[in-house]
Protein backbone atom coordinates (compact mmCIF):
# COMPACT_ATOMS: atom_id res chain seq x y z
CA MET A 1 -13.32 -23.21 13.30
CA ARG A 2 -15.37 -20.56 11.78
CA LYS A 3 -16.14 -21.11 8.14
CA LEU A 4 -15.89 -18.65 5.48
CA ILE A 5 -17.81 -19.27 2.06
CA VAL A 6 -15.60 -17.79 -0.46
CA THR A 7 -17.55 -17.08 -3.86
CA GLY A 8 -15.37 -16.70 -6.99
CA ALA A 9 -12.90 -18.52 -5.10
CA ASN A 10 -10.70 -19.42 -8.42
CA GLY A 11 -10.28 -15.69 -9.21
CA GLN A 12 -7.39 -13.55 -8.21
CA LEU A 13 -8.93 -12.10 -5.15
CA GLY A 14 -10.34 -15.59 -4.10
CA ARG A 15 -6.80 -17.04 -4.26
CA ALA A 16 -5.35 -14.08 -2.25
CA ILE A 17 -8.09 -14.43 0.47
CA ASN A 18 -7.18 -18.40 0.56
CA GLN A 19 -3.41 -17.29 1.14
CA VAL A 20 -4.21 -15.33 3.83
CA TYR A 21 -6.38 -17.89 5.99
CA LYS A 22 -4.26 -21.04 4.64
CA ASN A 23 -2.23 -21.34 8.08
CA SER A 24 -5.24 -20.00 10.39
CA SER A 25 -6.27 -22.09 13.28
CA GLU A 26 -9.54 -20.07 13.42
CA TYR A 27 -11.00 -19.74 10.02
CA GLU A 28 -11.74 -22.45 7.28
CA CYS A 29 -12.46 -21.28 3.75
CA VAL A 30 -15.26 -23.00 2.09
CA ASN A 31 -14.49 -22.41 -1.67
CA THR A 32 -17.21 -22.04 -4.31
CA ASP A 33 -17.03 -21.12 -7.93
CA VAL A 34 -19.53 -20.98 -10.54
CA ASN A 35 -19.63 -24.65 -11.21
CA ASP A 36 -20.13 -25.29 -7.47
CA LEU A 37 -22.83 -22.82 -6.70
CA ASP A 38 -24.97 -20.63 -8.95
CA ILE A 39 -25.27 -17.47 -6.82
CA THR A 40 -27.86 -16.25 -9.28
CA ASN A 41 -30.30 -18.97 -8.19
CA ILE A 42 -31.81 -17.83 -4.64
CA ASP A 43 -32.96 -21.56 -3.77
CA ALA A 44 -29.41 -22.84 -4.40
CA VAL A 45 -27.74 -20.20 -2.46
CA LEU A 46 -30.34 -20.51 0.63
CA GLN A 47 -29.77 -24.23 0.60
CA TYR A 48 -25.95 -24.14 0.40
CA VAL A 49 -25.39 -21.44 3.09
CA ASP A 50 -27.46 -23.17 5.51
CA GLY A 51 -25.87 -26.41 5.08
CA ILE A 52 -22.48 -24.62 5.74
CA LYS A 53 -23.70 -22.19 8.70
CA PRO A 54 -20.70 -19.85 7.74
CA TYR A 55 -19.31 -17.30 10.18
CA ALA A 56 -19.14 -14.93 6.97
CA ILE A 57 -19.46 -15.07 3.17
CA ILE A 58 -16.78 -13.21 1.29
CA ASN A 59 -18.25 -12.41 -2.04
CA CYS A 60 -15.52 -12.36 -4.70
CA ALA A 61 -17.73 -13.37 -7.72
CA ALA A 62 -18.55 -11.01 -10.60
CA HIS A 63 -18.82 -10.45 -14.32
CA THR A 64 -15.87 -8.49 -14.77
CA ASN A 65 -15.40 -8.38 -18.57
CA VAL A 66 -16.12 -4.69 -18.62
CA ASN A 67 -16.66 -4.67 -22.37
CA ARG A 68 -18.82 -7.88 -22.59
CA CYS A 69 -21.15 -6.31 -19.92
CA GLU A 70 -22.36 -3.85 -22.36
CA THR A 71 -23.71 -6.70 -24.60
CA ASP A 72 -24.44 -9.31 -22.07
CA VAL A 73 -26.44 -6.86 -19.80
CA ASP A 74 -28.99 -9.52 -18.40
CA ASN A 75 -26.15 -11.93 -17.23
CA ALA A 76 -24.32 -8.95 -15.65
CA TYR A 77 -27.28 -7.84 -13.61
CA ARG A 78 -27.60 -11.44 -12.55
CA ILE A 79 -24.03 -11.90 -11.44
CA ASN A 80 -23.26 -8.41 -10.24
CA ALA A 81 -26.56 -7.53 -8.53
CA ILE A 82 -28.94 -10.52 -8.05
CA GLY A 83 -26.12 -12.64 -6.72
CA PRO A 84 -24.98 -10.25 -4.05
CA ARG A 85 -28.89 -9.76 -3.25
CA ASN A 86 -28.88 -13.51 -2.88
CA LEU A 87 -26.08 -13.89 -0.60
CA SER A 88 -27.10 -11.10 1.45
CA ILE A 89 -30.40 -12.81 1.96
CA ALA A 90 -28.91 -16.01 3.00
CA ALA A 91 -26.30 -14.27 5.36
CA THR A 92 -28.77 -12.60 6.91
CA ARG A 93 -30.93 -15.78 7.62
CA ALA A 94 -27.75 -17.49 8.74
CA GLY A 95 -26.70 -14.79 11.11
CA ALA A 96 -23.65 -14.49 8.95
CA LYS A 97 -21.51 -11.49 8.06
CA LEU A 98 -21.11 -10.69 4.38
CA MET A 99 -18.11 -9.06 2.82
CA HIS A 100 -18.86 -7.85 -0.65
CA VAL A 101 -16.28 -6.54 -3.26
CA SER A 102 -17.15 -3.75 -5.46
CA THR A 103 -15.53 -1.40 -8.00
CA ASP A 104 -14.29 2.05 -8.80
CA TYR A 105 -16.40 1.91 -11.94
CA VAL A 106 -19.53 3.09 -9.81
CA PHE A 107 -18.13 6.59 -10.47
CA ASP A 108 -18.07 8.41 -13.66
CA GLY A 109 -14.47 9.13 -13.57
CA HIS A 110 -14.94 13.03 -14.26
CA ALA A 111 -13.17 13.96 -10.90
CA SER A 112 -9.77 15.58 -10.43
CA THR A 113 -9.32 14.54 -6.77
CA PRO A 114 -9.73 11.03 -5.04
CA TYR A 115 -13.11 9.72 -4.65
CA THR A 116 -14.24 9.01 -0.94
CA GLU A 117 -17.03 6.78 0.11
CA PHE A 118 -19.15 10.09 0.74
CA ASP A 119 -19.06 10.88 -3.08
CA THR A 120 -21.91 10.13 -5.07
CA PRO A 121 -21.61 7.24 -7.38
CA ASN A 122 -22.57 7.84 -11.13
CA PRO A 123 -21.80 4.76 -13.32
CA GLU A 124 -21.68 5.15 -17.08
CA ALA A 125 -20.57 1.50 -18.06
CA VAL A 126 -23.12 -1.40 -17.66
CA TYR A 127 -20.39 -2.93 -15.46
CA GLY A 128 -20.46 -0.19 -12.90
CA LYS A 129 -24.07 0.28 -13.14
CA THR A 130 -24.75 -3.50 -12.16
CA LYS A 131 -21.97 -3.43 -9.43
CA LEU A 132 -23.81 -0.37 -8.01
CA ALA A 133 -26.98 -2.13 -8.13
CA GLY A 134 -25.33 -5.24 -6.25
CA GLU A 135 -23.96 -2.56 -3.26
CA GLN A 136 -27.74 -1.40 -3.04
CA PHE A 137 -29.02 -4.79 -2.82
CA VAL A 138 -26.29 -5.60 0.02
CA LYS A 139 -27.35 -2.60 1.95
CA GLU A 140 -31.01 -3.55 1.54
CA PHE A 141 -30.74 -7.00 2.42
CA ALA A 142 -27.64 -7.71 4.60
CA LYS A 143 -27.67 -7.05 8.28
CA ASP A 144 -24.05 -7.17 9.20
CA TYR A 145 -22.12 -6.28 5.92
CA PHE A 146 -18.98 -4.77 4.67
CA ILE A 147 -18.62 -3.35 1.01
CA VAL A 148 -14.97 -2.77 -0.17
CA ARG A 149 -14.76 -1.01 -3.52
CA THR A 150 -11.22 -1.59 -5.16
CA ALA A 151 -9.65 -0.97 -8.60
CA TRP A 152 -7.04 -1.92 -11.10
CA LEU A 153 -6.54 -5.52 -9.40
CA TYR A 154 -3.74 -7.89 -10.13
CA GLY A 155 -2.82 -11.06 -8.52
CA ASP A 156 -2.67 -14.75 -9.27
CA GLY A 157 -4.62 -15.22 -12.47
CA LYS A 158 -5.14 -13.28 -15.80
CA ASN A 159 -4.51 -9.48 -15.31
CA PHE A 160 -2.99 -6.44 -16.74
CA VAL A 161 0.43 -7.09 -15.44
CA LYS A 162 0.80 -10.60 -16.91
CA THR A 163 -1.01 -9.40 -20.21
CA MET A 164 1.82 -6.40 -20.50
CA LEU A 165 4.79 -8.83 -19.56
CA GLY A 166 3.60 -11.30 -22.21
CA LEU A 167 3.40 -8.73 -24.87
CA SER A 168 7.06 -7.80 -23.85
CA GLU A 169 8.06 -11.30 -25.23
CA THR A 170 7.00 -10.62 -28.60
CA HIS A 171 7.11 -6.76 -29.14
CA ASP A 172 9.40 -4.21 -29.25
CA LYS A 173 7.08 -1.70 -28.78
CA VAL A 174 3.46 -1.52 -26.97
CA THR A 175 0.88 1.05 -27.19
CA VAL A 176 -0.87 2.09 -23.61
CA VAL A 177 -3.34 4.72 -22.79
CA GLY A 178 -1.99 7.52 -20.54
CA ASP A 179 -5.02 9.65 -19.58
CA GLN A 180 -6.74 6.99 -17.38
CA PHE A 181 -5.51 7.53 -13.89
CA GLY A 182 -5.90 5.26 -11.02
CA SER A 183 -4.23 3.15 -8.18
CA PRO A 184 -3.03 -0.34 -9.00
CA THR A 185 -4.00 -2.65 -6.37
CA SER A 186 -2.36 -6.18 -5.08
CA ALA A 187 -4.85 -8.77 -4.61
CA ASP A 188 -2.73 -9.69 -1.53
CA GLU A 189 -3.01 -6.22 -0.07
CA LEU A 190 -6.98 -6.21 -0.57
CA ALA A 191 -7.08 -9.67 1.10
CA LYS A 192 -5.10 -8.41 4.01
CA ALA A 193 -7.58 -5.43 4.27
CA ILE A 194 -10.70 -7.88 4.24
CA ALA A 195 -9.11 -10.25 6.77
CA TYR A 196 -8.48 -7.17 9.06
CA LEU A 197 -12.12 -5.85 8.83
CA LEU A 198 -14.05 -9.29 8.89
CA PRO A 199 -13.68 -9.94 12.68
CA THR A 200 -14.70 -6.44 13.48
CA ASP A 201 -18.23 -4.94 13.76
CA ASN A 202 -16.99 -1.92 11.70
CA TYR A 203 -19.45 -2.35 9.17
CA GLY A 204 -20.42 -0.23 6.22
CA LEU A 205 -18.66 1.04 2.88
CA PHE A 206 -15.04 1.19 2.40
CA HIS A 207 -12.45 2.03 -0.42
CA GLY A 208 -9.62 -0.45 -0.74
CA THR A 209 -6.83 0.34 -3.15
CA CYS A 210 -2.98 0.60 -2.97
CA GLU A 211 -1.85 4.20 -2.13
CA GLY A 212 -0.67 6.45 -4.72
CA ILE A 213 -1.82 7.44 -8.48
CA THR A 214 -0.37 6.57 -11.93
CA ASN A 215 -1.70 5.93 -15.47
CA TRP A 216 -1.74 2.79 -17.59
CA ALA A 217 1.16 3.72 -19.43
CA ASP A 218 3.43 4.49 -16.59
CA PHE A 219 2.48 1.40 -14.70
CA THR A 220 3.41 -0.47 -17.64
CA ARG A 221 6.87 1.31 -17.81
CA GLU A 222 7.32 0.62 -13.94
CA ILE A 223 6.31 -3.07 -14.84
CA TYR A 224 8.89 -3.28 -17.36
CA ARG A 225 11.54 -1.62 -15.43
CA LEU A 226 11.05 -4.15 -12.46
CA ALA A 227 11.04 -7.10 -14.77
CA GLY A 228 14.06 -6.05 -16.65
CA LYS A 229 12.42 -5.46 -20.01
CA THR A 230 13.31 -3.35 -22.70
CA THR A 231 10.01 -3.05 -24.60
CA GLU A 232 9.05 0.76 -25.58
CA VAL A 233 5.86 1.93 -24.30
CA VAL A 234 4.06 4.35 -26.44
CA THR A 235 1.51 6.52 -24.73
CA VAL A 236 -1.81 7.20 -26.53
CA THR A 237 -5.02 8.84 -25.51
CA SER A 238 -8.25 6.72 -24.74
CA GLU A 239 -9.76 7.91 -28.19
CA GLU A 240 -6.71 6.93 -30.14
CA TYR A 241 -6.83 3.40 -28.50
CA GLU A 242 -10.42 2.87 -29.40
CA LYS A 243 -10.10 3.73 -32.88
CA ASN A 244 -7.83 0.66 -33.21
CA THR A 245 -10.20 -1.60 -31.02
CA THR A 246 -12.76 -3.75 -32.56
CA GLY A 247 -16.07 -4.65 -30.99
CA VAL A 248 -17.79 -2.81 -28.32
CA VAL A 249 -15.73 -0.75 -26.02
CA ALA A 250 -17.27 0.23 -22.55
CA PRO A 251 -16.71 3.92 -21.40
CA ARG A 252 -13.99 3.75 -18.88
CA PRO A 253 -13.50 6.27 -15.89
CA PHE A 254 -10.68 8.76 -16.88
CA TYR A 255 -9.98 9.29 -12.95
CA SER A 256 -10.92 6.36 -10.61
CA VAL A 257 -8.60 7.02 -7.68
CA LEU A 258 -10.37 5.92 -4.51
CA ASP A 259 -9.34 7.57 -1.32
CA ASN A 260 -9.49 4.96 1.64
CA TYR A 261 -11.11 7.59 3.59
CA MET A 262 -13.19 5.39 6.07
CA LEU A 263 -10.21 3.18 6.66
CA LYS A 264 -8.17 6.08 7.60
CA LEU A 265 -10.86 7.37 9.76
CA THR A 266 -11.96 4.25 11.55
CA THR A 267 -9.03 2.06 11.61
CA ASN A 268 -5.11 2.03 11.74
CA HIS A 269 -4.89 -0.38 8.56
CA MET A 270 -3.11 1.21 5.64
CA PHE A 271 -2.45 -0.41 2.30
CA ALA A 272 1.08 -0.46 0.66
CA ASP A 273 2.08 2.35 -1.84
CA TRP A 274 1.38 0.91 -5.30
CA GLU A 275 4.90 1.05 -6.25
CA LYS A 276 6.08 -1.31 -3.35
CA ALA A 277 2.98 -3.49 -4.24
CA ILE A 278 3.92 -4.25 -7.83
CA ALA A 279 7.58 -4.76 -6.87
CA GLU A 280 6.79 -7.31 -4.44
CA TYR A 281 4.30 -9.06 -6.77
CA ILE A 282 7.00 -9.33 -9.86
CA GLN A 283 9.68 -10.28 -7.53
CA ASN A 284 7.53 -13.26 -6.41
CA MET A 285 6.25 -14.34 -9.92
């Protein structure tokens, strides 16, 4: 059995990865989370990886609280940049592949057409800056690597879909921004793409999101429609939303649609449309 170290295994993507491989006769997931392995500690990472001798490391671990990253800067760099660096060094030493998951936040969101892998990153939020630093470390220290950028992820765990469904239980009306555009992406769809790429030598940088474009307000309307909820969705601008939000609010990309251009150029793998993916997710909740 080929062993796959999965970091951040208790997160949405980590759980989806485990579902993809649960009946595999070829691969075995070795799950780790923050309590099992501190990816910011190079000695701990090297010792752990040397002991497992994995076929690959799938890095799903990240500091993903975008607002908190703005004030928890050092910790964000440790987890989102130093962690991937350590895993890259360990993977190279062990002769293992590295699958690293990144984000749409590496772009500033001022575009009007989908970003491809050939567009130049320009992050504005600390979260995006730290994730881009992680990508750069992977390119520098990993020999055989995949970097997959995703966006608007939802799966088994805390996410936007569940938050909005929870609000519908106690509110007749919810306020959601309508001027931020992206592609809601199912963790199951992303896990399938990762499993598709992993056995190949098709290394490099990829975008991995569901197909199609929407905004948060319309996404919420579709969630409610599919779930049979009657809660009204009131569309507001990001500026209006931030005025009523306490604490530090990180800059959000207004347009963070990712084009899965490299997948289309180099593979036959396609992500599902976002509408189809969210319908399947809600049906199976």
